[in-house]
N, C-alpha and C. Protein backbone atom coordinates (compact mmCIF):
# COMPACT_ATOMS: atom_id res chain seq x y z
N MET A 1 -17.52 37.68 -55.29
CA MET A 1 -18.10 37.89 -56.79
C MET A 1 -19.80 38.19 -56.25
N LYS A 2 -19.90 39.23 -57.01
CA LYS A 2 -21.65 38.53 -57.07
C LYS A 2 -22.17 38.10 -58.59
N ILE A 3 -22.81 36.77 -58.61
CA ILE A 3 -23.00 36.51 -60.10
C ILE A 3 -24.61 36.40 -60.02
N TYR A 4 -25.19 36.38 -60.92
CA TYR A 4 -26.07 36.14 -61.86
C TYR A 4 -26.15 35.19 -62.21
N ILE A 5 -27.46 34.11 -62.00
CA ILE A 5 -27.70 33.43 -62.45
C ILE A 5 -29.20 32.86 -63.06
N GLY A 6 -29.68 31.78 -63.66
CA GLY A 6 -30.90 31.87 -64.29
C GLY A 6 -30.96 30.86 -65.01
N THR A 7 -31.74 29.79 -65.08
CA THR A 7 -32.40 28.57 -66.28
C THR A 7 -33.68 28.41 -66.23
N ASP A 8 -33.82 27.80 -67.81
CA ASP A 8 -35.29 27.30 -67.79
C ASP A 8 -35.74 26.13 -66.78
N HIS A 9 -36.56 25.03 -67.36
CA HIS A 9 -37.01 23.46 -66.39
C HIS A 9 -35.28 22.87 -66.75
N ALA A 10 -34.68 23.06 -67.55
CA ALA A 10 -34.35 22.00 -68.23
C ALA A 10 -32.56 22.30 -67.27
N GLY A 11 -32.40 22.79 -66.44
CA GLY A 11 -31.48 23.33 -65.76
C GLY A 11 -31.31 23.18 -63.85
N LEU A 12 -33.05 23.27 -63.95
CA LEU A 12 -33.37 24.12 -62.31
C LEU A 12 -32.61 22.90 -61.44
N ALA A 13 -32.60 22.21 -61.07
CA ALA A 13 -32.11 21.08 -60.39
C ALA A 13 -31.09 21.64 -60.41
N GLN A 14 -29.81 21.74 -61.42
CA GLN A 14 -28.06 21.81 -61.91
C GLN A 14 -27.95 23.46 -61.09
N LYS A 15 -28.95 24.34 -61.24
CA LYS A 15 -28.79 25.70 -60.48
C LYS A 15 -29.09 25.66 -59.22
N GLU A 16 -30.05 24.87 -58.34
CA GLU A 16 -29.81 25.15 -57.43
C GLU A 16 -28.33 24.54 -56.64
N LYS A 17 -27.74 23.29 -57.49
CA LYS A 17 -26.78 23.09 -56.82
C LYS A 17 -25.51 23.57 -56.80
N ILE A 18 -25.79 24.44 -58.12
CA ILE A 18 -24.38 25.61 -58.30
C ILE A 18 -24.79 26.69 -58.01
N ILE A 19 -26.06 27.20 -56.96
CA ILE A 19 -26.26 28.30 -56.13
C ILE A 19 -25.15 27.96 -54.82
N ASN A 20 -26.26 26.64 -54.29
CA ASN A 20 -25.74 26.23 -53.27
C ASN A 20 -23.55 26.26 -53.17
N PHE A 21 -22.78 25.71 -54.24
CA PHE A 21 -21.65 26.12 -54.32
C PHE A 21 -20.70 27.21 -54.04
N LEU A 22 -21.68 28.21 -55.02
CA LEU A 22 -21.32 29.50 -54.95
C LEU A 22 -21.22 30.34 -53.91
N GLN A 23 -22.10 30.13 -52.70
CA GLN A 23 -22.84 30.60 -51.85
C GLN A 23 -21.70 30.03 -50.86
N GLU A 24 -21.29 28.78 -50.59
CA GLU A 24 -20.61 28.24 -50.09
C GLU A 24 -19.11 29.21 -50.17
N SER A 25 -19.11 29.29 -51.23
CA SER A 25 -17.44 29.68 -51.47
C SER A 25 -17.44 30.62 -51.48
N GLY A 26 -18.40 31.25 -50.78
CA GLY A 26 -18.27 32.91 -50.78
C GLY A 26 -18.76 34.14 -51.82
N HIS A 27 -19.54 34.06 -52.56
CA HIS A 27 -20.09 34.68 -53.75
C HIS A 27 -21.12 34.85 -53.08
N GLU A 28 -22.10 36.35 -53.28
CA GLU A 28 -23.31 36.61 -53.49
C GLU A 28 -23.88 36.46 -55.10
N VAL A 29 -25.30 35.65 -54.51
CA VAL A 29 -25.74 34.95 -55.62
C VAL A 29 -27.05 35.62 -56.06
N VAL A 30 -27.49 36.16 -56.88
CA VAL A 30 -28.99 36.50 -57.40
C VAL A 30 -29.31 35.18 -58.63
N ASP A 31 -30.37 35.14 -58.17
CA ASP A 31 -31.24 33.66 -58.66
C ASP A 31 -32.73 34.36 -59.64
N GLN A 32 -32.20 34.44 -60.52
CA GLN A 32 -33.09 35.27 -61.36
C GLN A 32 -34.37 34.40 -62.42
N GLY A 33 -34.31 32.63 -61.01
CA GLY A 33 -35.26 31.85 -61.82
C GLY A 33 -34.82 30.95 -62.79
N ALA A 34 -35.14 29.78 -62.85
CA ALA A 34 -36.80 29.49 -62.79
C ALA A 34 -36.75 28.99 -61.34
N HIS A 35 -37.86 29.15 -60.67
CA HIS A 35 -37.76 28.57 -59.17
C HIS A 35 -38.67 27.61 -58.99
N GLU A 36 -39.15 27.27 -60.08
CA GLU A 36 -40.45 26.30 -60.24
C GLU A 36 -40.31 25.07 -61.40
N TYR A 37 -40.03 23.35 -61.76
CA TYR A 37 -40.08 22.98 -62.57
C TYR A 37 -41.66 23.56 -63.54
N ASP A 38 -41.40 23.53 -64.81
CA ASP A 38 -42.20 23.99 -65.59
C ASP A 38 -42.05 23.47 -67.15
N GLU A 39 -42.28 22.45 -67.44
CA GLU A 39 -41.59 21.86 -68.61
C GLU A 39 -41.39 23.14 -69.80
N ASN A 40 -42.97 23.93 -69.86
CA ASN A 40 -43.22 24.97 -70.85
C ASN A 40 -43.14 26.61 -70.80
N ASP A 41 -41.89 26.12 -69.80
CA ASP A 41 -41.07 27.80 -69.63
C ASP A 41 -40.00 27.91 -71.09
N ASP A 42 -39.68 29.43 -70.89
CA ASP A 42 -38.98 29.40 -72.05
C ASP A 42 -37.53 29.82 -71.50
N TYR A 43 -36.42 29.77 -72.11
CA TYR A 43 -35.19 30.12 -71.56
C TYR A 43 -35.06 31.49 -71.57
N PRO A 44 -35.28 32.08 -72.49
CA PRO A 44 -35.03 33.48 -72.89
C PRO A 44 -35.80 34.47 -71.88
N ASP A 45 -36.94 33.92 -71.35
CA ASP A 45 -37.57 34.83 -69.55
C ASP A 45 -36.31 34.69 -68.19
N PHE A 46 -34.78 33.77 -68.87
CA PHE A 46 -34.47 33.50 -67.50
C PHE A 46 -33.12 34.39 -67.46
N VAL A 47 -32.50 34.21 -68.93
CA VAL A 47 -31.69 34.57 -69.45
C VAL A 47 -31.33 35.85 -69.46
N ILE A 48 -32.70 36.04 -70.19
CA ILE A 48 -32.47 38.19 -70.10
C ILE A 48 -32.42 38.45 -68.79
N PRO A 49 -32.86 38.07 -67.51
CA PRO A 49 -32.44 39.23 -66.68
C PRO A 49 -31.36 39.40 -66.50
N VAL A 50 -30.28 38.20 -66.67
CA VAL A 50 -28.95 37.29 -66.27
C VAL A 50 -28.31 39.00 -67.50
N ALA A 51 -28.32 38.45 -68.69
CA ALA A 51 -27.61 39.14 -69.59
C ALA A 51 -27.64 40.51 -69.40
N ARG A 52 -28.37 40.99 -68.70
CA ARG A 52 -28.97 42.38 -68.74
C ARG A 52 -28.25 42.79 -67.94
N GLU A 53 -28.10 42.34 -66.26
CA GLU A 53 -27.07 42.67 -65.32
C GLU A 53 -25.86 42.72 -65.39
N VAL A 54 -25.12 41.77 -66.40
CA VAL A 54 -24.14 41.77 -66.67
C VAL A 54 -23.60 42.87 -67.59
N SER A 55 -24.50 42.75 -68.67
CA SER A 55 -24.28 44.19 -69.75
C SER A 55 -24.12 45.52 -69.28
N ARG A 56 -24.72 45.82 -68.10
CA ARG A 56 -24.46 46.99 -67.33
C ARG A 56 -23.34 47.13 -66.51
N ASN A 57 -22.86 46.01 -65.86
CA ASN A 57 -21.78 46.07 -65.29
C ASN A 57 -20.70 44.76 -65.77
N PRO A 58 -20.13 44.93 -67.10
CA PRO A 58 -19.66 43.48 -67.33
C PRO A 58 -18.41 43.35 -66.36
N GLN A 59 -17.48 44.35 -65.99
CA GLN A 59 -16.24 43.88 -65.26
C GLN A 59 -16.90 43.81 -64.00
N GLY A 60 -18.04 44.03 -63.80
CA GLY A 60 -18.07 44.03 -61.83
C GLY A 60 -19.06 42.45 -61.43
N VAL A 61 -19.66 42.08 -62.48
CA VAL A 61 -20.40 41.03 -61.80
C VAL A 61 -19.69 39.72 -62.94
N ARG A 62 -20.70 38.49 -62.89
CA ARG A 62 -20.31 37.79 -64.19
C ARG A 62 -22.29 37.34 -63.61
N GLY A 63 -22.05 35.72 -64.93
CA GLY A 63 -23.28 35.33 -64.79
C GLY A 63 -23.14 34.21 -65.52
N ILE A 64 -24.56 33.24 -64.93
CA ILE A 64 -23.93 31.55 -65.32
C ILE A 64 -26.25 31.75 -65.38
N ILE A 65 -25.71 30.93 -66.69
CA ILE A 65 -26.81 30.49 -67.18
C ILE A 65 -27.41 29.03 -67.61
N LEU A 66 -28.25 28.54 -67.80
CA LEU A 66 -28.23 26.99 -68.14
C LEU A 66 -29.55 26.67 -68.65
N GLY A 67 -29.41 25.33 -69.32
CA GLY A 67 -30.24 25.02 -70.27
C GLY A 67 -30.08 23.93 -70.96
N GLY A 68 -30.69 23.33 -71.55
CA GLY A 68 -30.67 21.74 -72.38
C GLY A 68 -28.95 21.49 -72.64
N SER A 69 -28.91 22.81 -73.74
CA SER A 69 -27.53 21.87 -74.30
C SER A 69 -26.87 24.02 -74.01
N GLY A 70 -27.06 25.01 -73.65
CA GLY A 70 -26.76 26.13 -73.84
C GLY A 70 -26.82 26.87 -74.78
N GLN A 71 -26.63 26.66 -75.60
CA GLN A 71 -26.65 27.20 -76.55
C GLN A 71 -27.65 27.82 -76.94
N GLY A 72 -28.81 28.06 -77.00
CA GLY A 72 -29.62 28.81 -77.04
C GLY A 72 -29.71 30.01 -76.16
N GLU A 73 -29.28 29.36 -74.99
CA GLU A 73 -28.96 30.98 -73.73
C GLU A 73 -27.75 31.17 -74.51
N ALA A 74 -26.37 31.14 -74.76
CA ALA A 74 -25.63 31.53 -74.97
C ALA A 74 -26.01 32.77 -76.47
N ILE A 75 -27.00 32.52 -77.15
CA ILE A 75 -26.96 33.01 -78.21
C ILE A 75 -27.94 34.33 -78.03
N THR A 76 -28.94 34.16 -77.06
CA THR A 76 -29.60 35.20 -76.36
C THR A 76 -28.80 36.55 -75.44
N ALA A 77 -27.95 35.71 -74.47
CA ALA A 77 -26.99 36.55 -73.69
C ALA A 77 -25.99 37.55 -74.94
N ASN A 78 -25.44 36.68 -75.60
CA ASN A 78 -24.96 37.62 -76.62
C ASN A 78 -25.32 38.75 -77.37
N ARG A 79 -26.71 39.13 -77.29
CA ARG A 79 -26.96 39.80 -78.06
C ARG A 79 -27.05 41.15 -77.06
N PHE A 80 -26.31 40.84 -76.16
CA PHE A 80 -26.29 42.35 -74.99
C PHE A 80 -25.16 42.77 -75.20
N ALA A 81 -24.76 44.51 -75.34
CA ALA A 81 -23.76 44.68 -75.42
C ALA A 81 -22.85 44.42 -74.34
N HIS A 82 -21.52 43.98 -74.68
CA HIS A 82 -20.25 44.13 -73.65
C HIS A 82 -20.54 42.84 -72.80
N VAL A 83 -21.26 41.92 -73.24
CA VAL A 83 -21.67 39.91 -72.67
C VAL A 83 -20.63 39.50 -73.78
N ARG A 84 -19.83 38.53 -73.02
CA ARG A 84 -19.51 37.85 -74.25
C ARG A 84 -19.46 36.28 -73.18
N ALA A 85 -20.60 35.57 -73.60
CA ALA A 85 -21.02 34.32 -72.59
C ALA A 85 -20.29 33.05 -73.72
N THR A 86 -20.15 32.30 -73.31
CA THR A 86 -19.19 31.12 -73.45
C THR A 86 -20.18 29.34 -73.09
N VAL A 87 -19.86 28.51 -74.17
CA VAL A 87 -21.03 27.35 -73.53
C VAL A 87 -19.93 26.95 -73.18
N PHE A 88 -20.34 25.70 -72.14
CA PHE A 88 -19.83 24.66 -71.75
C PHE A 88 -20.66 23.48 -71.52
N TYR A 89 -20.58 22.73 -72.41
CA TYR A 89 -21.23 21.35 -72.20
C TYR A 89 -20.61 20.37 -72.20
N GLY A 90 -19.36 20.08 -71.82
CA GLY A 90 -18.29 19.25 -71.72
C GLY A 90 -16.65 19.76 -72.00
N HIS A 91 -15.65 19.78 -70.93
CA HIS A 91 -14.44 19.77 -71.19
C HIS A 91 -13.56 19.05 -72.52
N ALA A 92 -12.96 20.39 -73.34
CA ALA A 92 -12.22 20.03 -74.68
C ALA A 92 -11.01 20.93 -74.00
N TYR A 93 -9.71 20.22 -74.74
CA TYR A 93 -8.57 20.52 -74.40
C TYR A 93 -8.00 21.00 -75.28
N SER A 94 -7.09 22.04 -75.56
CA SER A 94 -6.12 22.54 -76.78
C SER A 94 -5.57 21.63 -76.94
N LEU A 95 -5.06 20.67 -78.44
CA LEU A 95 -4.26 19.84 -78.55
C LEU A 95 -2.99 20.37 -78.76
N THR A 96 -2.36 21.62 -77.99
CA THR A 96 -1.26 22.62 -78.73
C THR A 96 -0.54 22.51 -77.23
N ASN A 97 -1.75 22.99 -76.48
CA ASN A 97 -0.82 23.47 -75.36
C ASN A 97 -1.71 22.91 -74.23
N ASN A 98 -2.64 22.34 -74.15
CA ASN A 98 -3.21 21.48 -73.33
C ASN A 98 -4.06 22.55 -72.07
N VAL A 99 -4.56 23.85 -72.97
CA VAL A 99 -5.60 24.19 -72.08
C VAL A 99 -7.00 24.63 -72.69
N SER A 100 -8.09 24.28 -71.59
CA SER A 100 -9.19 23.86 -71.59
C SER A 100 -10.12 24.87 -72.62
N ASN A 101 -11.44 24.90 -73.43
CA ASN A 101 -11.90 25.56 -73.28
C ASN A 101 -12.44 26.65 -72.78
N LEU A 102 -12.84 25.93 -71.50
CA LEU A 102 -12.97 27.65 -70.69
C LEU A 102 -11.81 28.81 -70.52
N GLU A 103 -10.94 27.95 -70.29
CA GLU A 103 -9.57 28.59 -69.89
C GLU A 103 -9.35 29.65 -70.69
N LEU A 104 -9.78 29.15 -72.00
CA LEU A 104 -9.28 29.92 -73.24
C LEU A 104 -10.27 31.05 -73.05
N SER A 105 -11.56 30.73 -72.86
CA SER A 105 -13.27 31.17 -73.11
C SER A 105 -12.26 32.90 -72.01
N ARG A 106 -11.98 32.80 -70.74
CA ARG A 106 -11.19 33.52 -70.14
C ARG A 106 -10.34 34.37 -70.51
N GLN A 107 -9.37 33.35 -70.48
CA GLN A 107 -7.64 34.33 -70.73
C GLN A 107 -7.69 35.06 -72.39
N HIS A 108 -8.31 34.73 -73.15
CA HIS A 108 -8.49 35.33 -74.08
C HIS A 108 -9.92 36.21 -74.89
N ASN A 109 -10.82 35.79 -74.15
CA ASN A 109 -12.10 36.04 -74.89
C ASN A 109 -12.94 37.20 -73.23
N ASP A 110 -12.05 37.02 -72.25
CA ASP A 110 -12.55 37.55 -70.87
C ASP A 110 -14.17 37.57 -70.92
N SER A 111 -14.52 36.45 -70.75
CA SER A 111 -15.88 35.79 -71.21
C SER A 111 -16.80 35.84 -69.68
N ASN A 112 -17.70 36.15 -69.77
CA ASN A 112 -18.60 36.85 -68.75
C ASN A 112 -19.98 36.13 -68.05
N ILE A 113 -20.21 35.32 -68.76
CA ILE A 113 -21.81 34.76 -68.68
C ILE A 113 -20.62 32.93 -69.26
N LEU A 114 -21.10 32.55 -68.32
CA LEU A 114 -21.27 31.20 -69.02
C LEU A 114 -22.53 30.14 -69.01
N ALA A 115 -22.50 29.85 -69.81
CA ALA A 115 -23.75 28.92 -70.31
C ALA A 115 -23.66 27.11 -70.43
N ILE A 116 -23.82 27.11 -69.45
CA ILE A 116 -24.14 25.55 -69.14
C ILE A 116 -25.32 24.81 -69.84
N GLY A 117 -24.80 23.36 -70.59
CA GLY A 117 -25.33 22.60 -71.29
C GLY A 117 -26.09 21.43 -70.47
N SER A 118 -26.50 22.03 -69.50
CA SER A 118 -27.56 20.81 -68.52
C SER A 118 -27.49 19.14 -68.53
N ARG A 119 -28.02 18.98 -69.64
CA ARG A 119 -28.33 17.70 -70.73
C ARG A 119 -27.46 17.35 -70.32
N PHE A 120 -25.38 17.76 -70.86
CA PHE A 120 -24.43 17.31 -71.08
C PHE A 120 -23.32 17.12 -70.04
N VAL A 121 -23.67 17.66 -69.24
CA VAL A 121 -22.87 17.19 -68.25
C VAL A 121 -23.71 17.47 -66.93
N THR A 122 -22.76 16.17 -66.37
CA THR A 122 -22.83 15.73 -64.69
C THR A 122 -23.08 17.16 -63.24
N ASP A 123 -23.92 17.04 -62.73
CA ASP A 123 -23.53 17.90 -61.33
C ASP A 123 -21.82 18.46 -61.20
N ASP A 124 -20.99 17.20 -61.20
CA ASP A 124 -20.40 17.35 -60.71
C ASP A 124 -18.90 18.40 -62.02
N GLN A 125 -19.60 18.02 -63.35
CA GLN A 125 -18.99 18.91 -63.98
C GLN A 125 -18.84 19.86 -64.14
N ALA A 126 -20.52 20.25 -63.76
CA ALA A 126 -20.69 21.80 -63.74
C ALA A 126 -20.04 22.14 -62.78
N LEU A 127 -19.76 22.06 -61.84
CA LEU A 127 -19.61 22.50 -60.57
C LEU A 127 -17.84 22.57 -60.88
N GLU A 128 -17.47 21.36 -61.10
CA GLU A 128 -15.88 21.63 -61.88
C GLU A 128 -15.61 22.58 -62.96
N ALA A 129 -16.63 22.99 -63.63
CA ALA A 129 -16.58 24.04 -64.68
C ALA A 129 -16.82 25.35 -64.13
N VAL A 130 -17.61 25.51 -63.49
CA VAL A 130 -17.93 26.47 -62.56
C VAL A 130 -16.72 27.42 -62.25
N GLN A 131 -16.11 26.18 -61.20
CA GLN A 131 -15.09 26.32 -60.80
C GLN A 131 -13.38 27.03 -61.70
N GLN A 132 -13.40 26.08 -62.20
CA GLN A 132 -12.24 26.64 -63.48
C GLN A 132 -12.89 27.87 -63.90
N TRP A 133 -14.09 28.11 -64.36
CA TRP A 133 -14.19 29.82 -65.07
C TRP A 133 -13.77 30.51 -64.20
N LEU A 134 -14.01 30.67 -62.94
CA LEU A 134 -14.21 32.05 -61.53
C LEU A 134 -12.53 31.85 -61.23
N ASP A 135 -11.65 30.24 -62.13
CA ASP A 135 -10.89 31.34 -61.13
C ASP A 135 -9.82 31.28 -62.20
N THR A 136 -10.14 31.64 -63.14
CA THR A 136 -9.49 31.82 -64.73
C THR A 136 -9.35 33.58 -64.70
N SER A 137 -8.28 34.36 -65.19
CA SER A 137 -7.71 35.51 -65.42
C SER A 137 -8.09 35.51 -66.54
N PHE A 138 -8.40 36.84 -66.94
CA PHE A 138 -8.39 37.75 -68.55
C PHE A 138 -7.06 37.70 -68.47
N SER A 139 -6.20 36.97 -69.41
CA SER A 139 -4.53 37.57 -69.65
C SER A 139 -4.54 39.01 -69.63
N ASN A 140 -5.19 39.71 -70.32
CA ASN A 140 -4.86 41.35 -70.94
C ASN A 140 -3.63 41.24 -71.99
N GLY A 141 -3.61 40.67 -72.76
CA GLY A 141 -2.56 40.44 -74.07
C GLY A 141 -3.34 41.01 -74.94
N GLU A 142 -2.52 42.29 -75.68
CA GLU A 142 -3.06 43.63 -75.77
C GLU A 142 -3.52 42.53 -77.37
N ARG A 143 -3.09 41.75 -78.02
CA ARG A 143 -4.16 41.72 -79.11
C ARG A 143 -5.46 40.76 -78.76
N HIS A 144 -5.60 40.54 -77.51
CA HIS A 144 -6.71 39.84 -76.53
C HIS A 144 -7.91 40.79 -76.20
N LYS A 145 -7.07 42.54 -76.27
CA LYS A 145 -7.93 43.58 -76.49
C LYS A 145 -8.52 43.97 -76.98
N ARG A 146 -7.69 44.23 -77.88
CA ARG A 146 -7.80 44.34 -79.54
C ARG A 146 -9.05 43.70 -79.50
N ARG A 147 -9.06 42.04 -79.86
CA ARG A 147 -10.06 41.63 -80.48
C ARG A 147 -10.89 41.82 -80.18
N ILE A 148 -11.19 41.87 -78.36
CA ILE A 148 -12.53 42.76 -77.45
C ILE A 148 -13.35 43.62 -77.83
N ASN A 149 -12.52 44.64 -77.94
CA ASN A 149 -12.65 46.42 -78.56
C ASN A 149 -13.58 46.05 -80.14
N LYS A 150 -12.66 45.19 -80.52
CA LYS A 150 -13.76 45.29 -82.44
C LYS A 150 -14.82 44.70 -82.20
N ILE A 151 -15.13 43.44 -80.98
CA ILE A 151 -16.62 43.15 -80.95
C ILE A 151 -17.11 44.16 -80.34
N GLU A 152 -16.67 44.98 -78.92
CA GLU A 152 -17.30 45.88 -78.63
C GLU A 152 -18.16 46.72 -79.37
N ARG A 153 -16.91 47.40 -80.44
CA ARG A 153 -17.36 48.30 -81.35
C ARG A 153 -19.02 47.95 -82.22
N ALA A 154 -18.96 46.47 -82.33
CA ALA A 154 -20.17 46.11 -83.46
C ALA A 154 -21.27 46.40 -82.93
N HIS A 155 -21.49 46.75 -81.75
CA HIS A 155 -22.58 47.09 -80.38
C HIS A 155 -23.38 48.56 -81.05
N ASP A 156 -21.74 49.36 -81.50
CA ASP A 156 -22.52 51.06 -81.59
C ASP A 156 -23.14 51.42 -83.09
């Protein structure tokens, strides 16, 4: 799978570990930066190129964006048509069926960008999250497709 990845200074070290993990797993990775540490850089400069690529090919590629909390990164990405970014800053599980928030983001929302809050998770947690997110498929349930179609029409 082709995966676009980008981060500001807050996720730079974690991004490098995720890139190595993805490449070792056989994925094609396109690094949209940052490529060096600059505490004054701005996350939109690195998130927008990832979101643009996913927006152009929402079923064929995925994106991973990192930042301090992942929140601003997801907000930025979700401004693009066909993008459904979900935020990860630690595993949470449903009280009713013990399914993780990441699994639900894929099963119910067909999320295509994963935003990681690097200041909230360890490198191992981030790698585990990436693996779980990539391994989980969209359920293709009628109600979930209907809801995604309503979101898609909001961009018209």
